[in-house]
């Protein structure tokens, strides 16, 4: 299964590292990544594969949300189909 992770918040050192660390620890592969910084706001979108992850989608979602709280960011994961449906023009 593929999912989309969005990260938004004030820029600081280590954001990509911390998110990638959580994904690697849970056997989640990054398929594509884009990030930009607008003034001091960091935004990142990742397309990931969760097929080798042994944890439930909710567990991963909760882990990423907790990391976001620790870093002062919004980190969300959605199934790819849901993300595409919500952002279709």
C-alpha atoms as a PDB file:
ATOM      1  CA  UNK A   1       0.000   0.000   0.000  1.00  0.00           C
ATOM      2  CA  UNK A   2       1.133   3.531  -0.701  1.00  0.00           C
ATOM      3  CA  UNK A   3       0.529   6.553   1.471  1.00  0.00           C
ATOM      4  CA  UNK A   4       1.205  10.284   1.460  1.00  0.00           C
ATOM      5  CA  UNK A   5       2.898  11.996   4.395  1.00  0.00           C
ATOM      6  CA  UNK A   6       2.665  15.767   4.796  1.00  0.00           C
ATOM      7  CA  UNK A   7       4.853  17.802   7.120  1.00  0.00           C
ATOM      8  CA  UNK A   8       4.248  21.500   7.793  1.00  0.00           C
ATOM      9  CA  UNK A   9       5.752  23.856  10.343  1.00  0.00           C
ATOM     10  CA  UNK A  10       8.534  26.257  11.192  1.00  0.00           C
ATOM     11  CA  UNK A  11      11.863  25.224   9.709  1.00  0.00           C
ATOM     12  CA  UNK A  12      14.489  23.738  12.003  1.00  0.00           C
ATOM     13  CA  UNK A  13      17.455  21.420  11.704  1.00  0.00           C
ATOM     14  CA  UNK A  14      16.705  17.692  11.573  1.00  0.00           C
ATOM     15  CA  UNK A  15      13.114  17.533  10.315  1.00  0.00           C
ATOM     16  CA  UNK A  16      13.865  15.291   7.338  1.00  0.00           C
ATOM     17  CA  UNK A  17      16.191  13.161   9.461  1.00  0.00           C
ATOM     18  CA  UNK A  18      13.618  12.594  12.222  1.00  0.00           C
ATOM     19  CA  UNK A  19      10.767  11.720   9.842  1.00  0.00           C
ATOM     20  CA  UNK A  20      13.026   9.456   7.753  1.00  0.00           C
ATOM     21  CA  UNK A  21      14.327   7.746  10.920  1.00  0.00           C
ATOM     22  CA  UNK A  22      10.786   6.809  11.996  1.00  0.00           C
ATOM     23  CA  UNK A  23      10.019   5.496   8.514  1.00  0.00           C
ATOM     24  CA  UNK A  24      13.230   3.432   8.339  1.00  0.00           C
ATOM     25  CA  UNK A  25      12.640   1.963  11.802  1.00  0.00           C
ATOM     26  CA  UNK A  26       9.235   0.760  10.574  1.00  0.00           C
ATOM     27  CA  UNK A  27      10.340  -0.603   7.166  1.00  0.00           C
ATOM     28  CA  UNK A  28       8.508   2.131   5.279  1.00  0.00           C
ATOM     29  CA  UNK A  29      10.159   2.967   1.956  1.00  0.00           C
ATOM     30  CA  UNK A  30      10.263   6.546   0.641  1.00  0.00           C
ATOM     31  CA  UNK A  31       9.244   6.442  -3.038  1.00  0.00           C
ATOM     32  CA  UNK A  32       9.250  10.190  -3.716  1.00  0.00           C
ATOM     33  CA  UNK A  33       9.885  13.309  -1.686  1.00  0.00           C
ATOM     34  CA  UNK A  34       9.539  17.025  -2.239  1.00  0.00           C
ATOM     35  CA  UNK A  35      10.233  19.770   0.248  1.00  0.00           C
ATOM     36  CA  UNK A  36      10.476  23.525   0.218  1.00  0.00           C
ATOM     37  CA  UNK A  37      11.040  26.340   2.651  1.00  0.00           C
ATOM     38  CA  UNK A  38       9.016  29.535   2.245  1.00  0.00           C
ATOM     39  CA  UNK A  39      10.605  32.154   4.490  1.00  0.00           C
ATOM     40  CA  UNK A  40      10.694  30.183   7.757  1.00  0.00           C
ATOM     41  CA  UNK A  41       7.921  27.669   6.955  1.00  0.00           C
ATOM     42  CA  UNK A  42       8.949  24.120   6.062  1.00  0.00           C
ATOM     43  CA  UNK A  43       6.677  21.974   3.878  1.00  0.00           C
ATOM     44  CA  UNK A  44       7.303  18.414   2.748  1.00  0.00           C
ATOM     45  CA  UNK A  45       5.276  15.788   0.935  1.00  0.00           C
ATOM     46  CA  UNK A  46       6.427  12.171   0.794  1.00  0.00           C
ATOM     47  CA  UNK A  47       5.008   9.263  -1.153  1.00  0.00           C
ATOM     48  CA  UNK A  48       5.803   6.071   0.763  1.00  0.00           C
ATOM     49  CA  UNK A  49       5.265   2.330   0.511  1.00  0.00           C
ATOM     50  CA  UNK A  50       4.036   0.640   3.686  1.00  0.00           C
ATOM     51  CA  UNK A  51       3.852  -2.916   2.333  1.00  0.00           C
ATOM     52  CA  UNK A  52       6.770  -4.146   4.512  1.00  0.00           C
ATOM     53  CA  UNK A  53       5.638  -2.347   7.658  1.00  0.00           C
ATOM     54  CA  UNK A  54       4.456  -4.672  10.419  1.00  0.00           C
ATOM     55  CA  UNK A  55       2.595  -1.998  12.404  1.00  0.00           C
ATOM     56  CA  UNK A  56      -0.972  -0.907  11.744  1.00  0.00           C
ATOM     57  CA  UNK A  57      -1.681   2.275   9.815  1.00  0.00           C
ATOM     58  CA  UNK A  58      -3.069   3.828  13.025  1.00  0.00           C
ATOM     59  CA  UNK A  59       0.117   3.010  14.958  1.00  0.00           C
ATOM     60  CA  UNK A  60       2.255   4.686  12.294  1.00  0.00           C
ATOM     61  CA  UNK A  61      -0.119   7.656  12.162  1.00  0.00           C
ATOM     62  CA  UNK A  62       0.055   8.044  15.943  1.00  0.00           C
ATOM     63  CA  UNK A  63       3.867   7.742  15.941  1.00  0.00           C
ATOM     64  CA  UNK A  64       4.215  10.430  13.274  1.00  0.00           C
ATOM     65  CA  UNK A  65       1.696  12.703  15.029  1.00  0.00           C
ATOM     66  CA  UNK A  66       3.632  12.328  18.302  1.00  0.00           C
ATOM     67  CA  UNK A  67       6.868  13.212  16.507  1.00  0.00           C
ATOM     68  CA  UNK A  68       5.124  16.256  15.089  1.00  0.00           C
ATOM     69  CA  UNK A  69       4.081  17.376  18.556  1.00  0.00           C
ATOM     70  CA  UNK A  70       7.643  16.948  19.805  1.00  0.00           C
ATOM     71  CA  UNK A  71       9.045  18.993  16.909  1.00  0.00           C
ATOM     72  CA  UNK A  72       6.224  21.547  16.817  1.00  0.00           C
ATOM     73  CA  UNK A  73       5.060  20.390  13.369  1.00  0.00           C
ATOM     74  CA  UNK A  74       1.960  18.967  11.750  1.00  0.00           C
ATOM     75  CA  UNK A  75       2.787  15.474  10.439  1.00  0.00           C
ATOM     76  CA  UNK A  76      -0.007  13.476   8.831  1.00  0.00           C
ATOM     77  CA  UNK A  77      -0.208  10.270   6.841  1.00  0.00           C
ATOM     78  CA  UNK A  78      -3.081   9.337   4.525  1.00  0.00           C
ATOM     79  CA  UNK A  79      -3.745   6.440   2.204  1.00  0.00           C
ATOM     80  CA  UNK A  80      -2.776   7.521  -1.315  1.00  0.00           C
ATOM     81  CA  UNK A  81      -6.313   7.041  -2.681  1.00  0.00           C
ATOM     82  CA  UNK A  82      -7.841   9.231   0.034  1.00  0.00           C
ATOM     83  CA  UNK A  83      -5.203  11.934  -0.489  1.00  0.00           C
ATOM     84  CA  UNK A  84      -5.828  11.920  -4.253  1.00  0.00           C
ATOM     85  CA  UNK A  85      -9.606  12.088  -3.803  1.00  0.00           C
ATOM     86  CA  UNK A  86      -9.354  15.006  -1.386  1.00  0.00           C
ATOM     87  CA  UNK A  87      -7.039  16.990  -3.660  1.00  0.00           C
ATOM     88  CA  UNK A  88      -8.680  16.337  -7.010  1.00  0.00           C
ATOM     89  CA  UNK A  89      -9.651  19.544  -8.803  1.00  0.00           C
END
